[in-house]
Amino acid sequence: MNKLFWYIYFGIYLLIITIICKINRFFLKKKSTEAADQYIYKAASGIAKHIIKISKSKTIVKGLENIPNEPCVFVCNHQAIFDVFLLISNIEIITGFIAKKEIKSYPLIGFWIEAMHSVFIDRQNVREGMKAINEGALRIKSGYSMIIFPEGTRSLKSEMGEFKRGSMKLALKANAPIVPITIDGTYRVLEAGKKVTGNVLKMTVHKPIILENISDENKKNLSNILYNIIKNGLSE
């Protein structure tokens, strides 16, 4: 499968699924928001699993037992677009993203990211950025987990960039469990590799950090602690 064919297939597939899901969601929301949310997240997970399947990628996933049964903040390194498919296909609790505001206007994709109760952030506006952090904390307190990529951009390699200043404010504001996740190999599927099919995608879910159990000093150093946990996962 070449990349052009993949994008064409993905576009047509996503269009059909989106039309069906929008209709079903409309009627489900009349019954309950919870039912609509569960439906959308299950559908998004199904899309992600299908896309990974047709890419003929082998997935190696470890540590799913470390995901708590409560809303949390997933902190992940960011290698490529396929990070999203790998995450959503394996995380079974309803989870949104802290995403750049531009994604909201992407055809089809914007609908799914917004429907999953994601928060869109303007990275060029500090005041709006803080509003997004506060909104994300409220989402967590309302029962939705959140995924954040502290690097702020894709690395397109098995290395990590620095975590953006202030990227841990969401976790601290929400006072929720923080779950570090290491992802590797996703960049090879579409963006930096020579082939779409036959790649190995790795995902390691590390033990959660409970803020109530760590010192104030470690809270101040939280970004470095998480960075090192995730980075060490790349060499395992």
C-alpha atoms as a PDB file:
ATOM      1  CA  MET A   1       0.000   0.000   0.000  1.00  0.00           C
ATOM      2  CA  ASN A   2       1.514   3.329  -1.035  1.00  0.00           C
ATOM      3  CA  LYS A   3       0.905   6.545   0.891  1.00  0.00           C
ATOM      4  CA  LEU A   4      -1.365   8.141  -1.711  1.00  0.00           C
ATOM      5  CA  PHE A   5      -3.690   5.133  -1.740  1.00  0.00           C
ATOM      6  CA  TRP A   6      -3.711   5.116   2.074  1.00  0.00           C
ATOM      7  CA  TYR A   7      -4.782   8.755   2.287  1.00  0.00           C
ATOM      8  CA  ILE A   8      -7.516   8.241  -0.322  1.00  0.00           C
ATOM      9  CA  TYR A   9      -8.797   5.141   1.461  1.00  0.00           C
ATOM     10  CA  PHE A  10      -8.682   6.851   4.851  1.00  0.00           C
ATOM     11  CA  GLY A  11     -10.548   9.906   3.563  1.00  0.00           C
ATOM     12  CA  ILE A  12     -13.383   7.883   2.009  1.00  0.00           C
ATOM     13  CA  TYR A  13     -13.612   5.513   4.985  1.00  0.00           C
ATOM     14  CA  LEU A  14     -13.671   8.354   7.506  1.00  0.00           C
ATOM     15  CA  LEU A  15     -16.311  10.255   5.530  1.00  0.00           C
ATOM     16  CA  ILE A  16     -18.689   7.280   5.520  1.00  0.00           C
ATOM     17  CA  ILE A  17     -18.157   6.469   9.201  1.00  0.00           C
ATOM     18  CA  THR A  18     -18.520  10.127  10.203  1.00  0.00           C
ATOM     19  CA  ILE A  19     -21.873  10.511   8.427  1.00  0.00           C
ATOM     20  CA  ILE A  20     -23.227   7.366  10.101  1.00  0.00           C
ATOM     21  CA  CYS A  21     -21.914   8.341  13.538  1.00  0.00           C
ATOM     22  CA  LYS A  22     -23.210  11.906  13.355  1.00  0.00           C
ATOM     23  CA  ILE A  23     -26.722  10.597  12.709  1.00  0.00           C
ATOM     24  CA  ASN A  24     -26.541   8.008  15.494  1.00  0.00           C
ATOM     25  CA  ARG A  25     -25.027  10.508  17.918  1.00  0.00           C
ATOM     26  CA  PHE A  26     -27.833  12.989  17.233  1.00  0.00           C
ATOM     27  CA  PHE A  27     -30.462  10.510  18.397  1.00  0.00           C
ATOM     28  CA  LEU A  28     -28.387   9.152  21.278  1.00  0.00           C
ATOM     29  CA  LYS A  29     -27.868  12.648  22.720  1.00  0.00           C
ATOM     30  CA  LYS A  30     -31.639  12.952  23.063  1.00  0.00           C
ATOM     31  CA  LYS A  31     -31.523   9.951  25.406  1.00  0.00           C
ATOM     32  CA  SER A  32     -28.387  10.863  27.366  1.00  0.00           C
ATOM     33  CA  THR A  33     -25.042  12.602  26.953  1.00  0.00           C
ATOM     34  CA  GLU A  34     -23.309   9.621  28.532  1.00  0.00           C
ATOM     35  CA  ALA A  35     -24.699   7.212  25.926  1.00  0.00           C
ATOM     36  CA  ALA A  36     -23.607   9.543  23.109  1.00  0.00           C
ATOM     37  CA  ASP A  37     -20.136   9.915  24.604  1.00  0.00           C
ATOM     38  CA  GLN A  38     -19.710   6.153  24.977  1.00  0.00           C
ATOM     39  CA  TYR A  39     -20.860   5.629  21.404  1.00  0.00           C
ATOM     40  CA  ILE A  40     -18.500   8.216  19.938  1.00  0.00           C
ATOM     41  CA  TYR A  41     -15.485   6.953  21.844  1.00  0.00           C
ATOM     42  CA  LYS A  42     -16.210   3.329  20.923  1.00  0.00           C
ATOM     43  CA  ALA A  43     -16.562   4.372  17.282  1.00  0.00           C
ATOM     44  CA  ALA A  44     -13.295   6.346  17.403  1.00  0.00           C
ATOM     45  CA  SER A  45     -11.555   3.337  18.912  1.00  0.00           C
ATOM     46  CA  GLY A  46     -12.989   1.153  16.138  1.00  0.00           C
ATOM     47  CA  ILE A  47     -11.675   3.549  13.494  1.00  0.00           C
ATOM     48  CA  ALA A  48      -8.221   3.522  15.087  1.00  0.00           C
ATOM     49  CA  LYS A  49      -8.113  -0.284  15.275  1.00  0.00           C
ATOM     50  CA  HIS A  50      -9.202  -0.574  11.638  1.00  0.00           C
ATOM     51  CA  ILE A  51      -6.578   1.894  10.436  1.00  0.00           C
ATOM     52  CA  ILE A  52      -3.831   0.055  12.319  1.00  0.00           C
ATOM     53  CA  LYS A  53      -5.091  -3.240  10.881  1.00  0.00           C
ATOM     54  CA  ILE A  54      -5.024  -2.090   7.255  1.00  0.00           C
ATOM     55  CA  SER A  55      -1.546  -0.637   7.788  1.00  0.00           C
ATOM     56  CA  LYS A  56      -0.528  -4.193   8.761  1.00  0.00           C
ATOM     57  CA  SER A  57       1.345  -2.797  11.732  1.00  0.00           C
ATOM     58  CA  LYS A  58       2.392  -5.062  14.574  1.00  0.00           C
ATOM     59  CA  THR A  59       1.586  -3.496  17.930  1.00  0.00           C
ATOM     60  CA  ILE A  60       3.442  -4.233  21.148  1.00  0.00           C
ATOM     61  CA  VAL A  61       1.519  -2.765  24.068  1.00  0.00           C
ATOM     62  CA  LYS A  62       2.612  -3.067  27.694  1.00  0.00           C
ATOM     63  CA  GLY A  63       1.297  -1.798  31.009  1.00  0.00           C
ATOM     64  CA  LEU A  64      -2.402  -1.319  30.273  1.00  0.00           C
ATOM     65  CA  GLU A  65      -3.055  -2.499  33.824  1.00  0.00           C
ATOM     66  CA  ASN A  66      -1.475   0.779  34.989  1.00  0.00           C
ATOM     67  CA  ILE A  67      -4.406   2.821  33.668  1.00  0.00           C
ATOM     68  CA  PRO A  68      -6.531   3.850  36.689  1.00  0.00           C
ATOM     69  CA  ASN A  69     -10.300   3.444  36.786  1.00  0.00           C
ATOM     70  CA  GLU A  70     -10.825   7.175  37.073  1.00  0.00           C
ATOM     71  CA  PRO A  71     -10.224  10.273  34.955  1.00  0.00           C
ATOM     72  CA  CYS A  72      -6.526  10.976  34.527  1.00  0.00           C
ATOM     73  CA  VAL A  73      -3.966  12.875  32.480  1.00  0.00           C
ATOM     74  CA  PHE A  74      -2.021  10.828  29.948  1.00  0.00           C
ATOM     75  CA  VAL A  75       1.359  12.411  29.198  1.00  0.00           C
ATOM     76  CA  CYS A  76       2.950  11.065  26.012  1.00  0.00           C
ATOM     77  CA  ASN A  77       5.847  11.681  23.698  1.00  0.00           C
ATOM     78  CA  HIS A  78       4.724  12.678  20.228  1.00  0.00           C
ATOM     79  CA  GLN A  79       6.299  11.011  17.193  1.00  0.00           C
ATOM     80  CA  ALA A  80       3.634  11.148  14.487  1.00  0.00           C
ATOM     81  CA  ILE A  81      -0.022  11.218  13.417  1.00  0.00           C
ATOM     82  CA  PHE A  82      -0.272   7.488  14.118  1.00  0.00           C
ATOM     83  CA  ASP A  83       0.250   8.185  17.847  1.00  0.00           C
ATOM     84  CA  VAL A  84      -3.446   9.024  18.022  1.00  0.00           C
ATOM     85  CA  PHE A  85      -4.535   5.722  16.463  1.00  0.00           C
ATOM     86  CA  LEU A  86      -2.269   3.722  18.765  1.00  0.00           C
ATOM     87  CA  LEU A  87      -3.501   5.540  21.874  1.00  0.00           C
ATOM     88  CA  ILE A  88      -7.228   5.506  21.130  1.00  0.00           C
ATOM     89  CA  SER A  89      -7.205   1.854  20.076  1.00  0.00           C
ATOM     90  CA  ASN A  90      -5.796   0.838  23.463  1.00  0.00           C
ATOM     91  CA  ILE A  91      -7.127   3.299  26.047  1.00  0.00           C
ATOM     92  CA  GLU A  92     -10.617   2.123  26.927  1.00  0.00           C
ATOM     93  CA  ILE A  93     -11.770   5.033  29.095  1.00  0.00           C
ATOM     94  CA  ILE A  94     -13.225   8.120  27.382  1.00  0.00           C
ATOM     95  CA  THR A  95     -10.289  10.343  26.587  1.00  0.00           C
ATOM     96  CA  GLY A  96      -9.884  13.644  24.775  1.00  0.00           C
ATOM     97  CA  PHE A  97      -6.818  15.603  23.711  1.00  0.00           C
ATOM     98  CA  ILE A  98      -5.192  18.919  24.405  1.00  0.00           C
ATOM     99  CA  ALA A  99      -4.906  19.853  20.741  1.00  0.00           C
ATOM    100  CA  LYS A 100      -3.770  22.877  18.778  1.00  0.00           C
ATOM    101  CA  LYS A 101      -6.718  25.028  17.703  1.00  0.00           C
ATOM    102  CA  GLU A 102      -6.000  24.514  13.990  1.00  0.00           C
ATOM    103  CA  ILE A 103      -7.120  20.867  14.200  1.00  0.00           C
ATOM    104  CA  LYS A 104     -10.665  21.982  14.964  1.00  0.00           C
ATOM    105  CA  SER A 105     -11.028  23.208  11.375  1.00  0.00           C
ATOM    106  CA  TYR A 106      -9.654  20.017   9.767  1.00  0.00           C
ATOM    107  CA  PRO A 107     -12.368  18.306   7.675  1.00  0.00           C
ATOM    108  CA  LEU A 108     -13.853  15.247   9.424  1.00  0.00           C
ATOM    109  CA  ILE A 109     -10.949  14.923  11.878  1.00  0.00           C
ATOM    110  CA  GLY A 110     -12.002  18.113  13.648  1.00  0.00           C
ATOM    111  CA  PHE A 111     -15.418  16.611  14.345  1.00  0.00           C
ATOM    112  CA  TRP A 112     -13.955  13.520  16.023  1.00  0.00           C
ATOM    113  CA  ILE A 113     -11.433  15.387  18.147  1.00  0.00           C
ATOM    114  CA  GLU A 114     -14.107  17.813  19.338  1.00  0.00           C
ATOM    115  CA  ALA A 115     -16.726  15.079  19.909  1.00  0.00           C
ATOM    116  CA  MET A 116     -14.275  13.315  22.238  1.00  0.00           C
ATOM    117  CA  HIS A 117     -14.372  16.372  24.524  1.00  0.00           C
ATOM    118  CA  SER A 118     -10.916  17.573  23.545  1.00  0.00           C
ATOM    119  CA  VAL A 119      -9.715  21.072  24.400  1.00  0.00           C
ATOM    120  CA  PHE A 120      -8.260  23.288  21.697  1.00  0.00           C
ATOM    121  CA  ILE A 121      -5.382  25.542  22.629  1.00  0.00           C
ATOM    122  CA  ASP A 122      -3.942  28.643  20.975  1.00  0.00           C
ATOM    123  CA  ARG A 123      -0.219  28.184  21.440  1.00  0.00           C
ATOM    124  CA  GLN A 124       0.476  31.787  20.457  1.00  0.00           C
ATOM    125  CA  ASN A 125      -1.821  33.341  23.057  1.00  0.00           C
ATOM    126  CA  VAL A 126      -0.825  32.921  26.707  1.00  0.00           C
ATOM    127  CA  ARG A 127      -4.185  34.103  28.066  1.00  0.00           C
ATOM    128  CA  GLU A 128      -6.158  31.766  25.804  1.00  0.00           C
ATOM    129  CA  GLY A 129      -3.720  29.005  26.664  1.00  0.00           C
ATOM    130  CA  MET A 130      -4.519  29.366  30.363  1.00  0.00           C
ATOM    131  CA  LYS A 131      -8.245  29.305  29.576  1.00  0.00           C
ATOM    132  CA  ALA A 132      -7.697  26.017  27.730  1.00  0.00           C
ATOM    133  CA  ILE A 133      -5.813  24.571  30.709  1.00  0.00           C
ATOM    134  CA  ASN A 134      -8.667  25.532  33.035  1.00  0.00           C
ATOM    135  CA  GLU A 135     -11.186  24.054  30.619  1.00  0.00           C
ATOM    136  CA  GLY A 136      -9.179  20.836  30.437  1.00  0.00           C
ATOM    137  CA  ALA A 137      -9.110  20.588  34.230  1.00  0.00           C
ATOM    138  CA  LEU A 138     -12.887  20.993  34.308  1.00  0.00           C
ATOM    139  CA  ARG A 139     -13.270  18.237  31.708  1.00  0.00           C
ATOM    140  CA  ILE A 140     -11.237  15.897  33.899  1.00  0.00           C
ATOM    141  CA  LYS A 141     -13.320  16.753  36.951  1.00  0.00           C
ATOM    142  CA  SER A 142     -16.416  16.044  34.826  1.00  0.00           C
ATOM    143  CA  GLY A 143     -15.194  12.517  34.117  1.00  0.00           C
ATOM    144  CA  TYR A 144     -13.154  12.781  30.917  1.00  0.00           C
ATOM    145  CA  SER A 145      -9.475  11.849  30.787  1.00  0.00           C
ATOM    146  CA  MET A 146      -7.106  13.965  28.694  1.00  0.00           C
ATOM    147  CA  ILE A 147      -4.047  13.239  26.571  1.00  0.00           C
ATOM    148  CA  ILE A 148      -1.304  15.842  26.363  1.00  0.00           C
ATOM    149  CA  PHE A 149       1.831  15.872  24.191  1.00  0.00           C
ATOM    150  CA  PRO A 150       4.224  18.165  26.113  1.00  0.00           C
ATOM    151  CA  GLU A 151       6.709  18.377  23.228  1.00  0.00           C
ATOM    152  CA  GLY A 152       4.102  20.366  21.342  1.00  0.00           C
ATOM    153  CA  THR A 153       5.041  18.912  17.957  1.00  0.00           C
ATOM    154  CA  ARG A 154       5.936  15.619  16.312  1.00  0.00           C
ATOM    155  CA  SER A 155       9.535  14.458  16.568  1.00  0.00           C
ATOM    156  CA  LEU A 156       9.384  12.097  13.540  1.00  0.00           C
ATOM    157  CA  LYS A 157      12.069   9.919  15.137  1.00  0.00           C
ATOM    158  CA  SER A 158      12.801   7.698  18.132  1.00  0.00           C
ATOM    159  CA  GLU A 159      13.997  10.669  20.143  1.00  0.00           C
ATOM    160  CA  MET A 160      12.251  13.269  22.254  1.00  0.00           C
ATOM    161  CA  GLY A 161      12.207  17.021  22.159  1.00  0.00           C
ATOM    162  CA  GLU A 162      12.025  19.193  25.240  1.00  0.00           C
ATOM    163  CA  PHE A 163       8.739  19.464  27.080  1.00  0.00           C
ATOM    164  CA  LYS A 164       7.137  22.870  26.602  1.00  0.00           C
ATOM    165  CA  ARG A 165       7.183  25.217  29.535  1.00  0.00           C
ATOM    166  CA  GLY A 166       3.950  25.035  31.459  1.00  0.00           C
ATOM    167  CA  SER A 167       2.859  21.741  29.906  1.00  0.00           C
ATOM    168  CA  MET A 168       2.277  20.200  33.345  1.00  0.00           C
ATOM    169  CA  LYS A 169      -0.145  22.903  34.486  1.00  0.00           C
ATOM    170  CA  LEU A 170      -3.133  20.847  33.367  1.00  0.00           C
ATOM    171  CA  ALA A 171      -2.166  17.872  35.532  1.00  0.00           C
ATOM    172  CA  LEU A 172      -1.467  20.048  38.549  1.00  0.00           C
ATOM    173  CA  LYS A 173      -4.667  22.049  38.089  1.00  0.00           C
ATOM    174  CA  ALA A 174      -6.828  18.937  37.811  1.00  0.00           C
ATOM    175  CA  ASN A 175      -5.036  17.145  40.662  1.00  0.00           C
ATOM    176  CA  ALA A 176      -5.693  13.879  38.793  1.00  0.00           C
ATOM    177  CA  PRO A 177      -3.479  10.795  38.406  1.00  0.00           C
ATOM    178  CA  ILE A 178      -0.774  11.313  35.779  1.00  0.00           C
ATOM    179  CA  VAL A 179      -0.019   8.372  33.509  1.00  0.00           C
ATOM    180  CA  PRO A 180       3.211   8.582  31.467  1.00  0.00           C
ATOM    181  CA  ILE A 181       3.124   6.769  28.114  1.00  0.00           C
ATOM    182  CA  THR A 182       6.033   5.988  25.809  1.00  0.00           C
ATOM    183  CA  ILE A 183       5.288   5.579  22.108  1.00  0.00           C
ATOM    184  CA  ASP A 184       7.781   4.409  19.500  1.00  0.00           C
ATOM    185  CA  GLY A 185       7.748   3.522  15.800  1.00  0.00           C
ATOM    186  CA  THR A 186       4.637   5.422  14.738  1.00  0.00           C
ATOM    187  CA  TYR A 187       6.600   7.906  12.632  1.00  0.00           C
ATOM    188  CA  ARG A 188       7.639   5.136  10.248  1.00  0.00           C
ATOM    189  CA  VAL A 189       4.095   4.404   9.068  1.00  0.00           C
ATOM    190  CA  LEU A 190       3.334   7.560   7.096  1.00  0.00           C
ATOM    191  CA  GLU A 191       5.671  10.425   7.769  1.00  0.00           C
ATOM    192  CA  ALA A 192       9.284   9.311   7.895  1.00  0.00           C
ATOM    193  CA  GLY A 193       9.297   5.683   6.796  1.00  0.00           C
ATOM    194  CA  LYS A 194       9.540   4.227   3.311  1.00  0.00           C
ATOM    195  CA  LYS A 195       6.496   1.974   3.634  1.00  0.00           C
ATOM    196  CA  VAL A 196       3.033   2.247   5.161  1.00  0.00           C
ATOM    197  CA  THR A 197       2.729  -1.460   5.926  1.00  0.00           C
ATOM    198  CA  GLY A 198       4.718  -3.861   8.072  1.00  0.00           C
ATOM    199  CA  ASN A 199       5.950  -1.550  10.813  1.00  0.00           C
ATOM    200  CA  VAL A 200       6.186  -2.215  14.545  1.00  0.00           C
ATOM    201  CA  LEU A 201       4.401   0.190  16.888  1.00  0.00           C
ATOM    202  CA  LYS A 202       5.262   0.152  20.580  1.00  0.00           C
ATOM    203  CA  MET A 203       3.323   1.623  23.483  1.00  0.00           C
ATOM    204  CA  THR A 204       4.312   1.382  27.135  1.00  0.00           C
ATOM    205  CA  VAL A 205       1.986   2.618  29.865  1.00  0.00           C
ATOM    206  CA  HIS A 206       3.988   3.424  32.982  1.00  0.00           C
ATOM    207  CA  LYS A 207       2.755   3.428  36.559  1.00  0.00           C
ATOM    208  CA  PRO A 208       0.638   6.479  37.408  1.00  0.00           C
ATOM    209  CA  ILE A 209       1.947   9.320  39.502  1.00  0.00           C
ATOM    210  CA  ILE A 210      -0.449  10.307  42.276  1.00  0.00           C
ATOM    211  CA  LEU A 211       0.140  13.959  43.101  1.00  0.00           C
ATOM    212  CA  GLU A 212      -1.001  13.560  46.698  1.00  0.00           C
ATOM    213  CA  ASN A 213       1.835  11.084  47.234  1.00  0.00           C
ATOM    214  CA  ILE A 214       4.722  13.226  46.036  1.00  0.00           C
ATOM    215  CA  SER A 215       6.516  16.146  47.644  1.00  0.00           C
ATOM    216  CA  ASP A 216       6.111  19.800  46.692  1.00  0.00           C
ATOM    217  CA  GLU A 217       9.671  19.713  45.373  1.00  0.00           C
ATOM    218  CA  ASN A 218       8.841  16.853  43.020  1.00  0.00           C
ATOM    219  CA  LYS A 219       5.717  18.682  41.899  1.00  0.00           C
ATOM    220  CA  LYS A 220       7.934  21.565  40.831  1.00  0.00           C
ATOM    221  CA  ASN A 221      10.175  19.088  39.024  1.00  0.00           C
ATOM    222  CA  LEU A 222       7.277  17.107  37.551  1.00  0.00           C
ATOM    223  CA  SER A 223       8.097  17.920  33.940  1.00  0.00           C
ATOM    224  CA  ASN A 224      11.625  16.487  34.254  1.00  0.00           C
ATOM    225  CA  ILE A 225      10.411  13.432  36.153  1.00  0.00           C
ATOM    226  CA  LEU A 226       7.876  12.582  33.462  1.00  0.00           C
ATOM    227  CA  TYR A 227      10.324  13.348  30.675  1.00  0.00           C
ATOM    228  CA  ASN A 228      12.839  10.878  32.085  1.00  0.00           C
ATOM    229  CA  ILE A 229      10.243   8.147  32.630  1.00  0.00           C
ATOM    230  CA  ILE A 230       8.999   8.437  29.046  1.00  0.00           C
ATOM    231  CA  LYS A 231      12.491   8.750  27.582  1.00  0.00           C
ATOM    232  CA  ASN A 232      13.729   5.671  29.456  1.00  0.00           C
ATOM    233  CA  GLY A 233      10.812   3.774  27.949  1.00  0.00           C
ATOM    234  CA  LEU A 234      12.293   4.335  24.477  1.00  0.00           C
ATOM    235  CA  SER A 235      15.361   2.285  25.383  1.00  0.00           C
ATOM    236  CA  GLU A 236      13.495  -0.634  26.965  1.00  0.00           C
END
